[in-house]
Amino acid sequence: MSKYEPLWNHLQADGRDTFRMTFEEIRAVLGVDIDHSFLTYKKEAAQYGYEVGKISLKEKYVTFNKEV
């Protein structure tokens, strides 16, 4: 199990086409802060029907897009 699996499950349960989560919201889902490994694990989102869009380090958010 990936440490990001709770996040991917959250995305799948949410079901919106496109949405943005702040780093704080992601921390609330995961119980830990996202770190540089997120860049490696972001491809796992596809298994749950999503892709990771923009990651803003300045504004501290991640955009997720539902795959068609």
PDB file of N, CA and C in Angstrom:
ATOM      1  N   MET A   1       0.837  -1.185   0.000  1.00  0.00           N
ATOM      2  CA  MET A   1       0.000   0.000   0.000  1.00  0.00           C
ATOM      3  C   MET A   1       0.878   1.243   0.000  1.00  0.00           C
ATOM      4  N   SER A   2       0.581   2.147  -0.907  1.00  0.00           N
ATOM      5  CA  SER A   2       1.298   3.407  -1.001  1.00  0.00           C
ATOM      6  C   SER A   2       0.883   4.337   0.127  1.00  0.00           C
ATOM      7  N   LYS A   3       1.802   5.166   0.573  1.00  0.00           N
ATOM      8  CA  LYS A   3       1.439   6.118   1.625  1.00  0.00           C
ATOM      9  C   LYS A   3       0.427   7.147   1.125  1.00  0.00           C
ATOM     10  N   TYR A   4       0.260   7.249  -0.185  1.00  0.00           N
ATOM     11  CA  TYR A   4      -0.699   8.197  -0.764  1.00  0.00           C
ATOM     12  C   TYR A   4      -2.051   7.556  -1.092  1.00  0.00           C
ATOM     13  N   GLU A   5      -2.195   6.265  -0.821  1.00  0.00           N
ATOM     14  CA  GLU A   5      -3.450   5.582  -1.133  1.00  0.00           C
ATOM     15  C   GLU A   5      -4.675   6.239  -0.479  1.00  0.00           C
ATOM     16  N   PRO A   6      -4.598   6.707   0.770  1.00  0.00           N
ATOM     17  CA  PRO A   6      -5.766   7.394   1.334  1.00  0.00           C
ATOM     18  C   PRO A   6      -6.184   8.629   0.522  1.00  0.00           C
ATOM     19  N   LEU A   7      -5.219   9.316  -0.056  1.00  0.00           N
ATOM     20  CA  LEU A   7      -5.525  10.471  -0.896  1.00  0.00           C
ATOM     21  C   LEU A   7      -6.206  10.029  -2.175  1.00  0.00           C
ATOM     22  N   TRP A   8      -5.695   8.976  -2.802  1.00  0.00           N
ATOM     23  CA  TRP A   8      -6.300   8.498  -4.051  1.00  0.00           C
ATOM     24  C   TRP A   8      -7.723   8.004  -3.792  1.00  0.00           C
ATOM     25  N   ASN A   9      -7.934   7.329  -2.676  1.00  0.00           N
ATOM     26  CA  ASN A   9      -9.285   6.892  -2.322  1.00  0.00           C
ATOM     27  C   ASN A   9     -10.212   8.080  -2.084  1.00  0.00           C
ATOM     28  N   HIS A  10      -9.674   9.124  -1.480  1.00  0.00           N
ATOM     29  CA  HIS A  10     -10.450  10.343  -1.243  1.00  0.00           C
ATOM     30  C   HIS A  10     -10.871  10.972  -2.574  1.00  0.00           C
ATOM     31  N   LEU A  11      -9.956  11.025  -3.524  1.00  0.00           N
ATOM     32  CA  LEU A  11     -10.270  11.579  -4.850  1.00  0.00           C
ATOM     33  C   LEU A  11     -11.385  10.782  -5.506  1.00  0.00           C
ATOM     34  N   GLN A  12     -11.242   9.477  -5.476  1.00  0.00           N
ATOM     35  CA  GLN A  12     -12.213   8.595  -6.113  1.00  0.00           C
ATOM     36  C   GLN A  12     -13.587   8.740  -5.467  1.00  0.00           C
ATOM     37  N   ALA A  13     -13.632   8.847  -4.162  1.00  0.00           N
ATOM     38  CA  ALA A  13     -14.901   8.997  -3.453  1.00  0.00           C
ATOM     39  C   ALA A  13     -15.536  10.358  -3.712  1.00  0.00           C
ATOM     40  N   ASP A  14     -14.703  11.374  -3.901  1.00  0.00           N
ATOM     41  CA  ASP A  14     -15.216  12.728  -4.142  1.00  0.00           C
ATOM     42  C   ASP A  14     -15.925  12.801  -5.483  1.00  0.00           C
ATOM     43  N   GLY A  15     -15.258  12.305  -6.527  1.00  0.00           N
ATOM     44  CA  GLY A  15     -15.887  12.183  -7.833  1.00  0.00           C
ATOM     45  C   GLY A  15     -15.975  13.427  -8.704  1.00  0.00           C
ATOM     46  N   ARG A  16     -15.551  14.585  -8.200  1.00  0.00           N
ATOM     47  CA  ARG A  16     -15.604  15.788  -9.050  1.00  0.00           C
ATOM     48  C   ARG A  16     -14.658  15.642 -10.239  1.00  0.00           C
ATOM     49  N   ASP A  17     -14.984  16.348 -11.333  1.00  0.00           N
ATOM     50  CA  ASP A  17     -14.148  16.288 -12.532  1.00  0.00           C
ATOM     51  C   ASP A  17     -12.798  16.966 -12.320  1.00  0.00           C
ATOM     52  N   THR A  18     -12.820  18.148 -11.763  1.00  0.00           N
ATOM     53  CA  THR A  18     -11.604  18.914 -11.522  1.00  0.00           C
ATOM     54  C   THR A  18     -11.750  19.624 -10.188  1.00  0.00           C
ATOM     55  N   PHE A  19     -10.728  19.545  -9.382  1.00  0.00           N
ATOM     56  CA  PHE A  19     -10.756  20.294  -8.134  1.00  0.00           C
ATOM     57  C   PHE A  19      -9.358  20.524  -7.610  1.00  0.00           C
ATOM     58  N   ARG A  20      -9.277  21.397  -6.646  1.00  0.00           N
ATOM     59  CA  ARG A  20      -8.003  21.801  -6.080  1.00  0.00           C
ATOM     60  C   ARG A  20      -8.026  21.514  -4.579  1.00  0.00           C
ATOM     61  N   MET A  21      -6.936  20.970  -4.105  1.00  0.00           N
ATOM     62  CA  MET A  21      -6.784  20.733  -2.673  1.00  0.00           C
ATOM     63  C   MET A  21      -5.538  21.455  -2.189  1.00  0.00           C
ATOM     64  N   THR A  22      -5.655  22.123  -1.060  1.00  0.00           N
ATOM     65  CA  THR A  22      -4.481  22.767  -0.478  1.00  0.00           C
ATOM     66  C   THR A  22      -3.607  21.704   0.177  1.00  0.00           C
ATOM     67  N   PHE A  23      -2.364  22.054   0.414  1.00  0.00           N
ATOM     68  CA  PHE A  23      -1.471  21.120   1.103  1.00  0.00           C
ATOM     69  C   PHE A  23      -2.049  20.762   2.476  1.00  0.00           C
ATOM     70  N   GLU A  24      -2.708  21.718   3.122  1.00  0.00           N
ATOM     71  CA  GLU A  24      -3.304  21.474   4.439  1.00  0.00           C
ATOM     72  C   GLU A  24      -4.453  20.466   4.342  1.00  0.00           C
ATOM     73  N   GLU A  25      -5.284  20.576   3.295  1.00  0.00           N
ATOM     74  CA  GLU A  25      -6.375  19.617   3.095  1.00  0.00           C
ATOM     75  C   GLU A  25      -5.822  18.215   2.825  1.00  0.00           C
ATOM     76  N   ILE A  26      -4.758  18.160   2.048  1.00  0.00           N
ATOM     77  CA  ILE A  26      -4.124  16.873   1.760  1.00  0.00           C
ATOM     78  C   ILE A  26      -3.549  16.286   3.051  1.00  0.00           C
ATOM     79  N   ARG A  27      -2.937  17.137   3.863  1.00  0.00           N
ATOM     80  CA  ARG A  27      -2.401  16.693   5.149  1.00  0.00           C
ATOM     81  C   ARG A  27      -3.514  16.120   6.032  1.00  0.00           C
ATOM     82  N   ALA A  28      -4.693  16.738   5.994  1.00  0.00           N
ATOM     83  CA  ALA A  28      -5.821  16.262   6.792  1.00  0.00           C
ATOM     84  C   ALA A  28      -6.259  14.859   6.345  1.00  0.00           C
ATOM     85  N   VAL A  29      -6.169  14.587   5.056  1.00  0.00           N
ATOM     86  CA  VAL A  29      -6.549  13.268   4.530  1.00  0.00           C
ATOM     87  C   VAL A  29      -5.474  12.229   4.843  1.00  0.00           C
ATOM     88  N   LEU A  30      -4.215  12.615   4.651  1.00  0.00           N
ATOM     89  CA  LEU A  30      -3.115  11.659   4.805  1.00  0.00           C
ATOM     90  C   LEU A  30      -2.618  11.510   6.238  1.00  0.00           C
ATOM     91  N   GLY A  31      -2.749  12.574   7.018  1.00  0.00           N
ATOM     92  CA  GLY A  31      -2.179  12.561   8.362  1.00  0.00           C
ATOM     93  C   GLY A  31      -0.724  12.988   8.399  1.00  0.00           C
ATOM     94  N   VAL A  32      -0.159  13.248   7.227  1.00  0.00           N
ATOM     95  CA  VAL A  32       1.224  13.727   7.108  1.00  0.00           C
ATOM     96  C   VAL A  32       1.286  14.736   5.966  1.00  0.00           C
ATOM     97  N   ASP A  33       2.345  15.539   5.967  1.00  0.00           N
ATOM     98  CA  ASP A  33       2.555  16.483   4.870  1.00  0.00           C
ATOM     99  C   ASP A  33       3.012  15.745   3.621  1.00  0.00           C
ATOM    100  N   ILE A  34       2.640  16.283   2.446  1.00  0.00           N
ATOM    101  CA  ILE A  34       3.205  15.719   1.221  1.00  0.00           C
ATOM    102  C   ILE A  34       4.662  16.174   1.142  1.00  0.00           C
ATOM    103  N   ASP A  35       5.476  15.383   0.490  1.00  0.00           N
ATOM    104  CA  ASP A  35       6.889  15.726   0.344  1.00  0.00           C
ATOM    105  C   ASP A  35       7.315  15.481  -1.099  1.00  0.00           C
ATOM    106  N   HIS A  36       8.603  15.551  -1.352  1.00  0.00           N
ATOM    107  CA  HIS A  36       9.099  15.407  -2.724  1.00  0.00           C
ATOM    108  C   HIS A  36       8.740  14.066  -3.350  1.00  0.00           C
ATOM    109  N   SER A  37       8.498  13.048  -2.543  1.00  0.00           N
ATOM    110  CA  SER A  37       8.138  11.737  -3.094  1.00  0.00           C
ATOM    111  C   SER A  37       6.783  11.780  -3.809  1.00  0.00           C
ATOM    112  N   PHE A  38       5.971  12.799  -3.517  1.00  0.00           N
ATOM    113  CA  PHE A  38       4.682  12.954  -4.189  1.00  0.00           C
ATOM    114  C   PHE A  38       4.871  12.993  -5.704  1.00  0.00           C
ATOM    115  N   LEU A  39       5.968  13.576  -6.156  1.00  0.00           N
ATOM    116  CA  LEU A  39       6.237  13.661  -7.594  1.00  0.00           C
ATOM    117  C   LEU A  39       6.399  12.279  -8.213  1.00  0.00           C
ATOM    118  N   THR A  40       6.934  11.350  -7.456  1.00  0.00           N
ATOM    119  CA  THR A  40       7.085   9.976  -7.940  1.00  0.00           C
ATOM    120  C   THR A  40       5.765   9.228  -7.879  1.00  0.00           C
ATOM    121  N   TYR A  41       5.041   9.407  -6.803  1.00  0.00           N
ATOM    122  CA  TYR A  41       3.815   8.638  -6.568  1.00  0.00           C
ATOM    123  C   TYR A  41       2.583   9.204  -7.254  1.00  0.00           C
ATOM    124  N   LYS A  42       2.660  10.419  -7.785  1.00  0.00           N
ATOM    125  CA  LYS A  42       1.471  11.038  -8.382  1.00  0.00           C
ATOM    126  C   LYS A  42       0.892  10.217  -9.526  1.00  0.00           C
ATOM    127  N   LYS A  43       1.720   9.412 -10.201  1.00  0.00           N
ATOM    128  CA  LYS A  43       1.220   8.586 -11.303  1.00  0.00           C
ATOM    129  C   LYS A  43       0.236   7.517 -10.822  1.00  0.00           C
ATOM    130  N   GLU A  44       0.275   7.188  -9.513  1.00  0.00           N
ATOM    131  CA  GLU A  44      -0.662   6.215  -8.962  1.00  0.00           C
ATOM    132  C   GLU A  44      -2.107   6.696  -9.050  1.00  0.00           C
ATOM    133  N   ALA A  45      -2.310   7.997  -9.096  1.00  0.00           N
ATOM    134  CA  ALA A  45      -3.665   8.557  -9.149  1.00  0.00           C
ATOM    135  C   ALA A  45      -4.442   8.006 -10.341  1.00  0.00           C
ATOM    136  N   ALA A  46      -3.742   7.673 -11.420  1.00  0.00           N
ATOM    137  CA  ALA A  46      -4.400   7.154 -12.627  1.00  0.00           C
ATOM    138  C   ALA A  46      -5.151   5.856 -12.346  1.00  0.00           C
ATOM    139  N   GLN A  47      -4.666   5.055 -11.416  1.00  0.00           N
ATOM    140  CA  GLN A  47      -5.333   3.800 -11.059  1.00  0.00           C
ATOM    141  C   GLN A  47      -6.688   4.064 -10.394  1.00  0.00           C
ATOM    142  N   TYR A  48      -6.891   5.300  -9.956  1.00  0.00           N
ATOM    143  CA  TYR A  48      -8.129   5.687  -9.283  1.00  0.00           C
ATOM    144  C   TYR A  48      -8.956   6.652 -10.130  1.00  0.00           C
ATOM    145  N   GLY A  49      -8.538   6.808 -11.401  1.00  0.00           N
ATOM    146  CA  GLY A  49      -9.304   7.615 -12.344  1.00  0.00           C
ATOM    147  C   GLY A  49      -8.954   9.088 -12.370  1.00  0.00           C
ATOM    148  N   TYR A  50      -7.827   9.471 -11.790  1.00  0.00           N
ATOM    149  CA  TYR A  50      -7.431  10.878 -11.741  1.00  0.00           C
ATOM    150  C   TYR A  50      -6.005  11.064 -12.211  1.00  0.00           C
ATOM    151  N   GLU A  51      -5.717  12.308 -12.586  1.00  0.00           N
ATOM    152  CA  GLU A  51      -4.344  12.701 -12.859  1.00  0.00           C
ATOM    153  C   GLU A  51      -4.046  13.928 -12.015  1.00  0.00           C
ATOM    154  N   VAL A  52      -2.797  14.044 -11.625  1.00  0.00           N
ATOM    155  CA  VAL A  52      -2.364  15.214 -10.879  1.00  0.00           C
ATOM    156  C   VAL A  52      -2.044  16.298 -11.894  1.00  0.00           C
ATOM    157  N   GLY A  53      -2.690  17.439 -11.740  1.00  0.00           N
ATOM    158  CA  GLY A  53      -2.455  18.569 -12.633  1.00  0.00           C
ATOM    159  C   GLY A  53      -1.368  19.460 -12.065  1.00  0.00           C
ATOM    160  N   LYS A  54      -1.699  20.710 -11.892  1.00  0.00           N
ATOM    161  CA  LYS A  54      -0.733  21.685 -11.405  1.00  0.00           C
ATOM    162  C   LYS A  54      -0.433  21.482  -9.926  1.00  0.00           C
ATOM    163  N   ILE A  55       0.843  21.586  -9.603  1.00  0.00           N
ATOM    164  CA  ILE A  55       1.299  21.595  -8.215  1.00  0.00           C
ATOM    165  C   ILE A  55       1.920  22.959  -7.979  1.00  0.00           C
ATOM    166  N   SER A  56       1.311  23.763  -7.128  1.00  0.00           N
ATOM    167  CA  SER A  56       1.827  25.099  -6.839  1.00  0.00           C
ATOM    168  C   SER A  56       2.514  25.097  -5.481  1.00  0.00           C
ATOM    169  N   LEU A  57       3.828  25.197  -5.507  1.00  0.00           N
ATOM    170  CA  LEU A  57       4.579  25.264  -4.257  1.00  0.00           C
ATOM    171  C   LEU A  57       4.417  26.636  -3.605  1.00  0.00           C
ATOM    172  N   LYS A  58       4.252  27.649  -4.425  1.00  0.00           N
ATOM    173  CA  LYS A  58       4.095  29.010  -3.905  1.00  0.00           C
ATOM    174  C   LYS A  58       2.759  29.171  -3.182  1.00  0.00           C
ATOM    175  N   GLU A  59       1.674  28.736  -3.826  1.00  0.00           N
ATOM    176  CA  GLU A  59       0.345  28.890  -3.243  1.00  0.00           C
ATOM    177  C   GLU A  59      -0.095  27.657  -2.453  1.00  0.00           C
ATOM    178  N   LYS A  60       0.719  26.621  -2.479  1.00  0.00           N
ATOM    179  CA  LYS A  60       0.517  25.403  -1.698  1.00  0.00           C
ATOM    180  C   LYS A  60      -0.813  24.705  -1.986  1.00  0.00           C
ATOM    181  N   TYR A  61      -0.972  24.301  -3.253  1.00  0.00           N
ATOM    182  CA  TYR A  61      -2.144  23.515  -3.639  1.00  0.00           C
ATOM    183  C   TYR A  61      -1.782  22.556  -4.758  1.00  0.00           C
ATOM    184  N   VAL A  62      -2.647  21.570  -4.956  1.00  0.00           N
ATOM    185  CA  VAL A  62      -2.514  20.604  -6.046  1.00  0.00           C
ATOM    186  C   VAL A  62      -3.859  20.533  -6.747  1.00  0.00           C
ATOM    187  N   THR A  63      -3.840  20.535  -8.071  1.00  0.00           N
ATOM    188  CA  THR A  63      -5.057  20.386  -8.870  1.00  0.00           C
ATOM    189  C   THR A  63      -5.143  18.937  -9.347  1.00  0.00           C
ATOM    190  N   PHE A  64      -6.339  18.370  -9.241  1.00  0.00           N
ATOM    191  CA  PHE A  64      -6.586  17.001  -9.693  1.00  0.00           C
ATOM    192  C   PHE A  64      -7.647  17.032 -10.776  1.00  0.00           C
ATOM    193  N   ASN A  65      -7.462  16.226 -11.816  1.00  0.00           N
ATOM    194  CA  ASN A  65      -8.388  16.162 -12.941  1.00  0.00           C
ATOM    195  C   ASN A  65      -8.834  14.717 -13.150  1.00  0.00           C
ATOM    196  N   LYS A  66     -10.136  14.542 -13.282  1.00  0.00           N
ATOM    197  CA  LYS A  66     -10.673  13.208 -13.547  1.00  0.00           C
ATOM    198  C   LYS A  66     -10.323  12.808 -14.968  1.00  0.00           C
ATOM    199  N   GLU A  67      -9.806  11.599 -15.125  1.00  0.00           N
ATOM    200  CA  GLU A  67      -9.475  11.110 -16.460  1.00  0.00           C
ATOM    201  C   GLU A  67     -10.749  10.712 -17.177  1.00  0.00           C
ATOM    202  N   VAL A  68     -10.752  10.972 -18.472  1.00  0.00           N
ATOM    203  CA  VAL A  68     -11.934  10.676 -19.279  1.00  0.00           C
ATOM    204  C   VAL A  68     -11.820   9.303 -19.882  1.00  0.00           C
TER     205      VAL A  68
END
